[in-house]
PDB file of N, CA and C in Angstrom:
ATOM      1  N   MET A   1      56.062  21.188  33.726  1.00  0.00           N
ATOM      2  CA  MET A   1      55.133  22.489  33.562  1.00  0.00           C
ATOM      3  C   MET A   1      55.332  22.581  32.048  1.00  0.00           C
ATOM      4  N   LYS A   2      54.231  22.513  31.425  1.00  0.00           N
ATOM      5  CA  LYS A   2      54.144  23.121  29.948  1.00  0.00           C
ATOM      6  C   LYS A   2      54.334  24.660  29.794  1.00  0.00           C
ATOM      7  N   GLU A   3      55.204  24.952  28.951  1.00  0.00           N
ATOM      8  CA  GLU A   3      55.455  26.439  28.636  1.00  0.00           C
ATOM      9  C   GLU A   3      54.443  27.029  27.757  1.00  0.00           C
ATOM     10  N   ILE A   4      54.029  28.233  28.427  1.00  0.00           N
ATOM     11  CA  ILE A   4      52.911  28.780  27.658  1.00  0.00           C
ATOM     12  C   ILE A   4      53.800  29.620  26.290  1.00  0.00           C
ATOM     13  N   LYS A   5      53.146  29.523  25.276  1.00  0.00           N
ATOM     14  CA  LYS A   5      53.680  30.552  24.044  1.00  0.00           C
ATOM     15  C   LYS A   5      52.565  31.453  23.855  1.00  0.00           C
ATOM     16  N   GLY A   6      52.859  32.574  23.628  1.00  0.00           N
ATOM     17  CA  GLY A   6      51.793  33.545  22.717  1.00  0.00           C
ATOM     18  C   GLY A   6      52.279  34.524  22.202  1.00  0.00           C
ATOM     19  N   ILE A   7      51.586  35.614  21.943  1.00  0.00           N
ATOM     20  CA  ILE A   7      51.957  36.736  21.304  1.00  0.00           C
ATOM     21  C   ILE A   7      51.552  38.136  22.112  1.00  0.00           C
ATOM     22  N   ARG A   8      52.148  39.050  21.857  1.00  0.00           N
ATOM     23  CA  ARG A   8      51.833  40.234  22.623  1.00  0.00           C
ATOM     24  C   ARG A   8      50.991  40.974  21.681  1.00  0.00           C
ATOM     25  N   LEU A   9      49.930  41.561  22.171  1.00  0.00           N
ATOM     26  CA  LEU A   9      48.943  42.217  21.441  1.00  0.00           C
ATOM     27  C   LEU A   9      48.753  43.638  22.136  1.00  0.00           C
ATOM     28  N   SER A  10      49.299  44.564  21.210  1.00  0.00           N
ATOM     29  CA  SER A  10      49.279  46.197  21.820  1.00  0.00           C
ATOM     30  C   SER A  10      48.379  47.040  21.930  1.00  0.00           C
ATOM     31  N   ASN A  11      47.280  46.510  20.645  1.00  0.00           N
ATOM     32  CA  ASN A  11      46.429  47.376  20.171  1.00  0.00           C
ATOM     33  C   ASN A  11      45.027  46.551  19.873  1.00  0.00           C
ATOM     34  N   ALA A  12      44.181  47.210  19.565  1.00  0.00           N
ATOM     35  CA  ALA A  12      42.712  46.751  19.077  1.00  0.00           C
ATOM     36  C   ALA A  12      42.934  46.227  17.795  1.00  0.00           C
ATOM     37  N   ALA A  13      43.690  46.768  16.992  1.00  0.00           N
ATOM     38  CA  ALA A  13      43.994  46.191  15.603  1.00  0.00           C
ATOM     39  C   ALA A  13      44.700  44.909  15.739  1.00  0.00           C
ATOM     40  N   GLU A  14      45.658  44.703  16.621  1.00  0.00           N
ATOM     41  CA  GLU A  14      46.340  43.375  16.702  1.00  0.00           C
ATOM     42  C   GLU A  14      45.366  42.162  17.008  1.00  0.00           C
ATOM     43  N   TRP A  15      44.546  42.534  18.222  1.00  0.00           N
ATOM     44  CA  TRP A  15      43.853  41.618  18.685  1.00  0.00           C
ATOM     45  C   TRP A  15      42.605  41.322  17.730  1.00  0.00           C
ATOM     46  N   GLY A  16      42.199  42.130  16.791  1.00  0.00           N
ATOM     47  CA  GLY A  16      41.363  41.733  15.536  1.00  0.00           C
ATOM     48  C   GLY A  16      41.778  40.953  14.605  1.00  0.00           C
ATOM     49  N   LYS A  17      43.407  41.134  14.352  1.00  0.00           N
ATOM     50  CA  LYS A  17      43.935  40.334  13.185  1.00  0.00           C
ATOM     51  C   LYS A  17      44.038  38.877  13.905  1.00  0.00           C
ATOM     52  N   LEU A  18      44.361  38.873  14.872  1.00  0.00           N
ATOM     53  CA  LEU A  18      44.397  37.588  15.597  1.00  0.00           C
ATOM     54  C   LEU A  18      43.110  36.781  15.769  1.00  0.00           C
ATOM     55  N   VAL A  19      42.051  37.293  16.203  1.00  0.00           N
ATOM     56  CA  VAL A  19      40.685  36.742  15.990  1.00  0.00           C
ATOM     57  C   VAL A  19      40.426  36.542  14.665  1.00  0.00           C
ATOM     58  N   ARG A  20      40.489  37.223  13.817  1.00  0.00           N
ATOM     59  CA  ARG A  20      40.047  37.106  12.266  1.00  0.00           C
ATOM     60  C   ARG A  20      41.112  35.858  11.586  1.00  0.00           C
ATOM     61  N   ALA A  21      42.286  35.837  12.314  1.00  0.00           N
ATOM     62  CA  ALA A  21      43.231  34.780  11.455  1.00  0.00           C
ATOM     63  C   ALA A  21      42.984  33.472  12.233  1.00  0.00           C
ATOM     64  N   THR A  22      42.262  33.137  13.463  1.00  0.00           N
ATOM     65  CA  THR A  22      42.348  32.312  14.137  1.00  0.00           C
ATOM     66  C   THR A  22      40.788  31.465  13.655  1.00  0.00           C
ATOM     67  N   ARG A  23      39.871  32.468  13.320  1.00  0.00           N
ATOM     68  CA  ARG A  23      38.551  32.036  13.057  1.00  0.00           C
ATOM     69  C   ARG A  23      38.743  31.526  11.681  1.00  0.00           C
ATOM     70  N   LYS A  24      39.515  32.093  10.600  1.00  0.00           N
ATOM     71  CA  LYS A  24      39.562  31.666   9.285  1.00  0.00           C
ATOM     72  C   LYS A  24      40.552  30.180   9.332  1.00  0.00           C
ATOM     73  N   GLU A  25      41.445  30.053  10.482  1.00  0.00           N
ATOM     74  CA  GLU A  25      42.122  29.209  10.479  1.00  0.00           C
ATOM     75  C   GLU A  25      41.186  27.736  10.774  1.00  0.00           C
ATOM     76  N   GLN A  26      40.425  27.933  11.562  1.00  0.00           N
ATOM     77  CA  GLN A  26      39.331  27.014  12.387  1.00  0.00           C
ATOM     78  C   GLN A  26      38.194  26.795  11.332  1.00  0.00           C
ATOM     79  N   GLY A  27      38.087  27.601   9.924  1.00  0.00           N
ATOM     80  CA  GLY A  27      36.917  27.528   8.966  1.00  0.00           C
ATOM     81  C   GLY A  27      35.719  27.813   9.574  1.00  0.00           C
ATOM     82  N   ILE A  28      35.400  28.718  10.300  1.00  0.00           N
ATOM     83  CA  ILE A  28      34.279  29.201  10.708  1.00  0.00           C
ATOM     84  C   ILE A  28      33.589  30.673  10.299  1.00  0.00           C
ATOM     85  N   SER A  29      32.375  30.553  10.201  1.00  0.00           N
ATOM     86  CA  SER A  29      32.221  32.081   9.758  1.00  0.00           C
ATOM     87  C   SER A  29      31.852  33.162  10.865  1.00  0.00           C
ATOM     88  N   GLN A  30      31.623  34.330  10.465  1.00  0.00           N
ATOM     89  CA  GLN A  30      31.569  35.336  11.584  1.00  0.00           C
ATOM     90  C   GLN A  30      30.485  34.861  12.423  1.00  0.00           C
ATOM     91  N   GLU A  31      29.301  34.646  11.793  1.00  0.00           N
ATOM     92  CA  GLU A  31      28.158  34.312  12.226  1.00  0.00           C
ATOM     93  C   GLU A  31      28.259  33.252  13.095  1.00  0.00           C
ATOM     94  N   GLN A  32      28.730  31.959  12.427  1.00  0.00           N
ATOM     95  CA  GLN A  32      28.920  30.971  13.622  1.00  0.00           C
ATOM     96  C   GLN A  32      29.739  30.943  15.079  1.00  0.00           C
ATOM     97  N   LEU A  33      31.046  32.238  14.838  1.00  0.00           N
ATOM     98  CA  LEU A  33      31.835  32.460  15.944  1.00  0.00           C
ATOM     99  C   LEU A  33      30.898  33.230  16.784  1.00  0.00           C
ATOM    100  N   ALA A  34      30.183  34.277  16.275  1.00  0.00           N
ATOM    101  CA  ALA A  34      28.976  35.008  17.270  1.00  0.00           C
ATOM    102  C   ALA A  34      28.196  34.007  17.878  1.00  0.00           C
ATOM    103  N   GLY A  35      27.606  33.173  17.360  1.00  0.00           N
ATOM    104  CA  GLY A  35      26.636  32.231  18.289  1.00  0.00           C
ATOM    105  C   GLY A  35      27.057  31.637  19.307  1.00  0.00           C
ATOM    106  N   VAL A  36      28.568  30.830  18.901  1.00  0.00           N
ATOM    107  CA  VAL A  36      29.194  30.234  19.956  1.00  0.00           C
ATOM    108  C   VAL A  36      29.578  31.184  21.074  1.00  0.00           C
ATOM    109  N   ALA A  37      29.934  32.511  20.617  1.00  0.00           N
ATOM    110  CA  ALA A  37      30.445  33.367  21.680  1.00  0.00           C
ATOM    111  C   ALA A  37      29.182  34.140  22.390  1.00  0.00           C
ATOM    112  N   ASN A  38      27.833  33.961  21.732  1.00  0.00           N
ATOM    113  CA  ASN A  38      26.884  34.496  22.198  1.00  0.00           C
ATOM    114  C   ASN A  38      26.906  36.110  21.911  1.00  0.00           C
ATOM    115  N   VAL A  39      27.671  36.677  20.969  1.00  0.00           N
ATOM    116  CA  VAL A  39      27.678  37.933  20.797  1.00  0.00           C
ATOM    117  C   VAL A  39      27.128  37.985  19.405  1.00  0.00           C
ATOM    118  N   GLY A  40      26.777  39.328  18.968  1.00  0.00           N
ATOM    119  CA  GLY A  40      26.475  39.500  17.764  1.00  0.00           C
ATOM    120  C   GLY A  40      27.222  39.584  16.479  1.00  0.00           C
ATOM    121  N   VAL A  41      26.971  39.409  15.313  1.00  0.00           N
ATOM    122  CA  VAL A  41      27.742  39.463  14.190  1.00  0.00           C
ATOM    123  C   VAL A  41      28.374  40.749  13.980  1.00  0.00           C
ATOM    124  N   ARG A  42      27.708  41.848  14.273  1.00  0.00           N
ATOM    125  CA  ARG A  42      28.201  43.181  13.965  1.00  0.00           C
ATOM    126  C   ARG A  42      29.435  43.230  15.090  1.00  0.00           C
ATOM    127  N   PHE A  43      29.565  42.575  16.352  1.00  0.00           N
ATOM    128  CA  PHE A  43      30.715  42.652  17.224  1.00  0.00           C
ATOM    129  C   PHE A  43      31.772  42.363  16.923  1.00  0.00           C
ATOM    130  N   ILE A  44      31.483  40.796  16.240  1.00  0.00           N
ATOM    131  CA  ILE A  44      32.567  39.822  15.461  1.00  0.00           C
ATOM    132  C   ILE A  44      33.273  41.097  14.459  1.00  0.00           C
ATOM    133  N   SER A  45      32.500  41.511  13.627  1.00  0.00           N
ATOM    134  CA  SER A  45      33.135  42.353  12.593  1.00  0.00           C
ATOM    135  C   SER A  45      33.847  43.635  13.375  1.00  0.00           C
ATOM    136  N   ASP A  46      33.359  44.252  14.056  1.00  0.00           N
ATOM    137  CA  ASP A  46      34.034  45.517  14.652  1.00  0.00           C
ATOM    138  C   ASP A  46      35.064  45.037  15.234  1.00  0.00           C
ATOM    139  N   LEU A  47      35.217  43.917  16.167  1.00  0.00           N
ATOM    140  CA  LEU A  47      36.341  43.306  16.970  1.00  0.00           C
ATOM    141  C   LEU A  47      37.476  43.078  15.800  1.00  0.00           C
ATOM    142  N   GLU A  48      37.220  42.326  14.716  1.00  0.00           N
ATOM    143  CA  GLU A  48      38.121  41.958  13.654  1.00  0.00           C
ATOM    144  C   GLU A  48      38.620  43.346  12.981  1.00  0.00           C
ATOM    145  N   ASN A  49      37.842  44.129  13.029  1.00  0.00           N
ATOM    146  CA  ASN A  49      38.431  45.633  12.331  1.00  0.00           C
ATOM    147  C   ASN A  49      39.076  46.649  13.044  1.00  0.00           C
ATOM    148  N   GLY A  50      39.164  45.997  14.453  1.00  0.00           N
ATOM    149  CA  GLY A  50      40.150  46.854  15.298  1.00  0.00           C
ATOM    150  C   GLY A  50      39.513  47.915  15.904  1.00  0.00           C
ATOM    151  N   LYS A  51      38.286  47.851  16.131  1.00  0.00           N
ATOM    152  CA  LYS A  51      37.383  49.061  16.825  1.00  0.00           C
ATOM    153  C   LYS A  51      38.122  49.170  18.264  1.00  0.00           C
ATOM    154  N   LYS A  52      38.238  50.312  18.751  1.00  0.00           N
ATOM    155  CA  LYS A  52      38.842  50.582  19.927  1.00  0.00           C
ATOM    156  C   LYS A  52      37.910  50.831  21.154  1.00  0.00           C
ATOM    157  N   THR A  53      36.581  50.785  20.953  1.00  0.00           N
ATOM    158  CA  THR A  53      35.580  50.986  21.811  1.00  0.00           C
ATOM    159  C   THR A  53      34.770  49.911  22.090  1.00  0.00           C
ATOM    160  N   LEU A  54      35.173  48.554  22.263  1.00  0.00           N
ATOM    161  CA  LEU A  54      34.360  47.409  22.578  1.00  0.00           C
ATOM    162  C   LEU A  54      34.506  47.136  24.014  1.00  0.00           C
ATOM    163  N   GLN A  55      33.349  46.228  24.217  1.00  0.00           N
ATOM    164  CA  GLN A  55      33.485  45.476  25.871  1.00  0.00           C
ATOM    165  C   GLN A  55      34.365  44.778  25.712  1.00  0.00           C
ATOM    166  N   LEU A  56      35.057  44.870  26.919  1.00  0.00           N
ATOM    167  CA  LEU A  56      36.351  43.637  27.171  1.00  0.00           C
ATOM    168  C   LEU A  56      35.572  42.712  27.314  1.00  0.00           C
ATOM    169  N   ASP A  57      34.669  42.511  28.279  1.00  0.00           N
ATOM    170  CA  ASP A  57      34.107  41.266  28.477  1.00  0.00           C
ATOM    171  C   ASP A  57      33.525  40.289  27.672  1.00  0.00           C
ATOM    172  N   LYS A  58      33.063  40.992  26.334  1.00  0.00           N
ATOM    173  CA  LYS A  58      32.515  40.399  25.069  1.00  0.00           C
ATOM    174  C   LYS A  58      33.639  39.760  24.071  1.00  0.00           C
ATOM    175  N   ALA A  59      34.605  40.665  24.182  1.00  0.00           N
ATOM    176  CA  ALA A  59      36.036  40.160  23.589  1.00  0.00           C
ATOM    177  C   ALA A  59      36.589  38.931  24.159  1.00  0.00           C
ATOM    178  N   ILE A  60      36.480  38.858  25.317  1.00  0.00           N
ATOM    179  CA  ILE A  60      37.237  37.767  26.226  1.00  0.00           C
ATOM    180  C   ILE A  60      36.193  36.486  25.541  1.00  0.00           C
ATOM    181  N   LEU A  61      35.121  36.899  25.602  1.00  0.00           N
ATOM    182  CA  LEU A  61      34.157  35.635  25.263  1.00  0.00           C
ATOM    183  C   LEU A  61      34.600  35.033  23.901  1.00  0.00           C
ATOM    184  N   VAL A  62      34.833  36.093  23.007  1.00  0.00           N
ATOM    185  CA  VAL A  62      35.268  35.522  21.475  1.00  0.00           C
ATOM    186  C   VAL A  62      36.445  34.943  21.675  1.00  0.00           C
ATOM    187  N   LEU A  63      37.401  35.418  22.099  1.00  0.00           N
ATOM    188  CA  LEU A  63      38.893  34.644  22.362  1.00  0.00           C
ATOM    189  C   LEU A  63      38.298  33.209  22.786  1.00  0.00           C
ATOM    190  N   GLU A  64      37.773  33.065  24.217  1.00  0.00           N
ATOM    191  CA  GLU A  64      37.585  31.828  24.622  1.00  0.00           C
ATOM    192  C   GLU A  64      36.824  30.924  23.714  1.00  0.00           C
ATOM    193  N   ALA A  65      35.732  31.422  22.952  1.00  0.00           N
ATOM    194  CA  ALA A  65      35.107  30.680  21.883  1.00  0.00           C
ATOM    195  C   ALA A  65      36.086  29.976  20.950  1.00  0.00           C
ATOM    196  N   LEU A  66      37.152  30.782  20.347  1.00  0.00           N
ATOM    197  CA  LEU A  66      38.276  30.217  19.418  1.00  0.00           C
ATOM    198  C   LEU A  66      39.205  29.492  20.201  1.00  0.00           C
ATOM    199  N   GLY A  67      39.075  29.089  21.387  1.00  0.00           N
ATOM    200  CA  GLY A  67      40.159  28.301  22.269  1.00  0.00           C
ATOM    201  C   GLY A  67      41.368  29.171  22.743  1.00  0.00           C
ATOM    202  N   LEU A  68      41.331  30.608  22.446  1.00  0.00           N
ATOM    203  CA  LEU A  68      42.317  31.303  22.974  1.00  0.00           C
ATOM    204  C   LEU A  68      42.087  31.602  24.526  1.00  0.00           C
ATOM    205  N   GLY A  69      43.123  32.499  24.970  1.00  0.00           N
ATOM    206  CA  GLY A  69      42.846  33.189  26.332  1.00  0.00           C
ATOM    207  C   GLY A  69      43.651  34.635  26.430  1.00  0.00           C
ATOM    208  N   ALA A  70      43.011  35.171  27.303  1.00  0.00           N
ATOM    209  CA  ALA A  70      44.000  36.589  27.704  1.00  0.00           C
ATOM    210  C   ALA A  70      44.450  36.433  28.717  1.00  0.00           C
ATOM    211  N   TYR A  71      45.937  36.824  28.714  1.00  0.00           N
ATOM    212  CA  TYR A  71      46.484  36.806  30.055  1.00  0.00           C
ATOM    213  C   TYR A  71      47.273  38.075  30.252  1.00  0.00           C
ATOM    214  N   ALA A  72      47.577  38.235  31.684  1.00  0.00           N
ATOM    215  CA  ALA A  72      48.391  39.514  31.643  1.00  0.00           C
ATOM    216  C   ALA A  72      49.599  39.063  32.802  1.00  0.00           C
ATOM    217  N   PHE A  73      50.800  39.650  32.048  1.00  0.00           N
ATOM    218  CA  PHE A  73      52.062  39.538  32.812  1.00  0.00           C
ATOM    219  C   PHE A  73      52.914  40.881  32.906  1.00  0.00           C
ATOM    220  N   ASN A  74      53.428  40.680  34.093  1.00  0.00           N
ATOM    221  CA  ASN A  74      54.106  41.915  34.396  1.00  0.00           C
ATOM    222  C   ASN A  74      55.585  41.780  33.622  1.00  0.00           C
ATOM    223  N   ARG A  75      55.558  42.617  32.314  1.00  0.00           N
ATOM    224  CA  ARG A  75      57.076  42.568  31.616  1.00  0.00           C
ATOM    225  C   ARG A  75      58.193  42.750  32.023  1.00  0.00           C
ATOM    226  N   TRP A  76      57.958  43.628  33.035  1.00  0.00           N
ATOM    227  CA  TRP A  76      59.239  43.912  33.992  1.00  0.00           C
ATOM    228  C   TRP A  76      59.844  43.032  34.665  1.00  0.00           C
ATOM    229  N   GLU A  77      59.283  41.891  35.278  1.00  0.00           N
ATOM    230  CA  GLU A  77      59.430  40.564  35.885  1.00  0.00           C
ATOM    231  C   GLU A  77      59.533  39.577  35.059  1.00  0.00           C
ATOM    232  N   MET A  78      59.493  39.417  33.566  1.00  0.00           N
ATOM    233  CA  MET A  78      59.814  38.245  32.787  1.00  0.00           C
ATOM    234  C   MET A  78      61.063  38.036  32.576  1.00  0.00           C
ATOM    235  N   LYS A  79      61.533  37.109  32.267  1.00  0.00           N
ATOM    236  CA  LYS A  79      63.062  37.044  32.040  1.00  0.00           C
ATOM    237  C   LYS A  79      63.130  36.031  30.553  1.00  0.00           C
TER     238      LYS A  79
END
C-alpha cells in the first residue's frame, strides 16, 4: 500500500498558500485554474489570499483541479 504524504492545513491562509504554490508550480494562471475548476477568478484570488468565508465545495473543486485532495484524519488515532 502506498503511503500518503501530506501537510496539515490549520487555517484558510495555509490553504491559500498551498493553492497558490501548487498553481505556480504547474505554471497555470488564476484564469486557467478558474476555468478548469469551474469557479470564478475572484474565487481563486480570494482563496489564495486566505479569505475565511469561502464555499467549501468550491475550494475542494479547486484542489481537485490541481490534482490535490482534501482528507480528514482523526489525529488522536494516528500513530
